[in-house]
Protein backbone atom coordinates (compact mmCIF):
# COMPACT_ATOMS: atom_id res chain seq x y z
CA UNK A 1 112.67 -23.04 208.74
CA UNK A 2 113.81 -23.55 205.18
CA UNK A 3 117.19 -23.51 203.48
CA UNK A 4 117.70 -23.17 199.73
CA UNK A 5 121.18 -23.91 198.43
CA UNK A 6 122.79 -24.27 195.04
CA UNK A 7 123.97 -27.74 193.98
CA UNK A 8 127.41 -26.32 193.20
CA UNK A 9 129.70 -23.93 195.06
CA UNK A 10 128.46 -20.33 195.01
CA UNK A 11 129.44 -17.91 197.78
CA UNK A 12 126.06 -16.18 197.45
CA UNK A 13 124.18 -19.39 196.70
CA UNK A 14 122.29 -19.95 199.94
CA UNK A 15 119.07 -18.56 201.33
CA UNK A 16 118.31 -19.56 204.92
CA UNK A 17 115.11 -18.36 206.57
CA UNK A 18 114.21 -19.38 210.13
CA UNK A 19 110.63 -18.16 209.54
CA UNK A 20 110.27 -19.54 206.01
CA UNK A 21 107.77 -22.28 205.18
CA UNK A 22 107.44 -24.97 202.54
CA UNK A 23 103.89 -26.29 202.32
CA UNK A 24 102.75 -29.22 200.19
CA UNK A 25 100.71 -27.64 197.41
CA UNK A 26 100.04 -30.64 195.21
CA UNK A 27 100.38 -34.32 195.99
CA UNK A 28 99.38 -36.55 193.10
CA UNK A 29 99.00 -40.29 192.88
CA UNK A 30 99.64 -41.88 189.49
CA UNK A 31 96.33 -43.59 188.99
CA UNK A 32 93.61 -43.63 186.38
CA UNK A 33 90.30 -45.33 185.69
CA UNK A 34 89.46 -46.93 182.38
CA UNK A 35 85.83 -47.74 181.52
CA UNK A 36 85.27 -51.21 180.04
CA UNK A 37 82.36 -52.67 178.14
CA UNK A 38 81.97 -55.64 180.49
CA UNK A 39 78.76 -55.04 182.47
CA UNK A 40 79.95 -56.92 185.55
CA UNK A 41 83.07 -54.80 186.17
CA UNK A 42 82.29 -51.37 184.72
CA UNK A 43 85.80 -49.94 185.12
CA UNK A 44 89.39 -50.98 185.70
CA UNK A 45 91.62 -48.98 188.03
CA UNK A 46 95.33 -48.73 187.20
CA UNK A 47 97.39 -47.55 190.15
CA UNK A 48 101.06 -46.84 189.42
CA UNK A 49 101.71 -45.56 192.95
CA UNK A 50 103.29 -42.43 194.30
CA UNK A 51 106.73 -40.95 193.85
CA UNK A 52 108.51 -38.00 195.41
CA UNK A 53 108.43 -36.20 192.08
CA UNK A 54 104.62 -36.07 192.33
CA UNK A 55 105.04 -33.43 195.07
CA UNK A 56 104.94 -29.67 194.55
CA UNK A 57 105.75 -27.33 197.44
CA UNK A 58 104.75 -23.73 197.97
CA UNK A 59 107.69 -21.80 199.44
CA UNK A 60 107.05 -18.62 201.45
CA UNK A 61 109.87 -16.50 202.89
CA UNK A 62 109.07 -13.42 205.05
CA UNK A 63 110.68 -10.45 203.33
CA UNK A 64 109.85 -7.00 204.72
CA UNK A 65 112.59 -5.17 202.79
CA UNK A 66 112.65 -7.10 199.48
CA UNK A 67 116.16 -8.54 199.86
CA UNK A 68 115.00 -12.19 199.94
CA UNK A 69 113.02 -11.61 196.73
CA UNK A 70 116.18 -10.32 195.03
CA UNK A 71 118.17 -13.32 196.28
CA UNK A 72 115.51 -15.75 194.98
CA UNK A 73 115.44 -13.92 191.63
CA UNK A 74 119.20 -14.39 191.28
CA UNK A 75 119.07 -18.07 192.25
CA UNK A 76 116.21 -18.87 189.86
CA UNK A 77 117.97 -17.03 187.00
CA UNK A 78 121.32 -18.79 187.51
CA UNK A 79 120.43 -22.33 188.60
CA UNK A 80 117.92 -24.73 187.03
CA UNK A 81 117.84 -26.83 190.22
CA UNK A 82 118.22 -26.09 193.93
CA UNK A 83 118.40 -28.11 197.13
CA UNK A 84 115.50 -27.34 199.49
CA UNK A 85 115.73 -28.39 203.12
CA UNK A 86 112.61 -28.02 205.27
CA UNK A 87 110.70 -29.81 208.01
CA UNK A 88 109.28 -32.29 205.46
CA UNK A 89 112.73 -33.37 204.26
CA UNK A 90 115.46 -32.51 201.80
CA UNK A 91 114.66 -32.29 198.07
CA UNK A 92 116.24 -31.48 194.74
CA UNK A 93 113.77 -28.98 193.29
CA UNK A 94 113.12 -26.74 190.32
CA UNK A 95 111.88 -23.29 191.39
CA UNK A 96 109.33 -21.31 189.40
CA UNK A 97 106.52 -18.78 189.76
CA UNK A 98 108.38 -16.22 191.84
CA UNK A 99 106.12 -13.59 193.38
CA UNK A 100 105.88 -11.08 196.20
CA UNK A 101 102.78 -10.54 198.33
CA UNK A 102 101.93 -9.44 201.86
CA UNK A 103 105.56 -8.85 202.83
CA UNK A 104 106.79 -12.26 201.68
CA UNK A 105 108.57 -13.72 198.68
CA UNK A 106 106.78 -16.78 197.30
CA UNK A 107 107.57 -19.42 194.69
CA UNK A 108 106.73 -22.97 193.66
CA UNK A 109 109.18 -25.82 194.15
CA UNK A 110 108.60 -28.85 191.93
CA UNK A 111 110.35 -31.87 193.44
CA UNK A 112 112.72 -33.67 191.09
CA UNK A 113 114.24 -36.06 193.63
CA UNK A 114 113.86 -36.85 197.33
CA UNK A 115 117.31 -36.55 198.95
CA UNK A 116 116.31 -37.58 202.48
């Protein structure tokens, strides 16, 4: 189950789907490796850790008649950020990449902040 809501009051600003899914698409760790000239070490690893904003979710909402796609189109056009609630948690997200395939509306949700 997923629920997408607007951060401000909008009577048509919610999309709730009992069969919707939000799957972790990208989970990055802020780390890099720097080669050094010292022959005994070879490289230095710099690990800055992980943050909730390193997560990108793939949202899929079953939509046999196209109405959910229209609702997502409206929400993406009107609101730069949305609140996404799913089994993984509750996030402030930025939606992008809206598409429709195999009877489902799909989009990407880039996490801006972990709410719970």
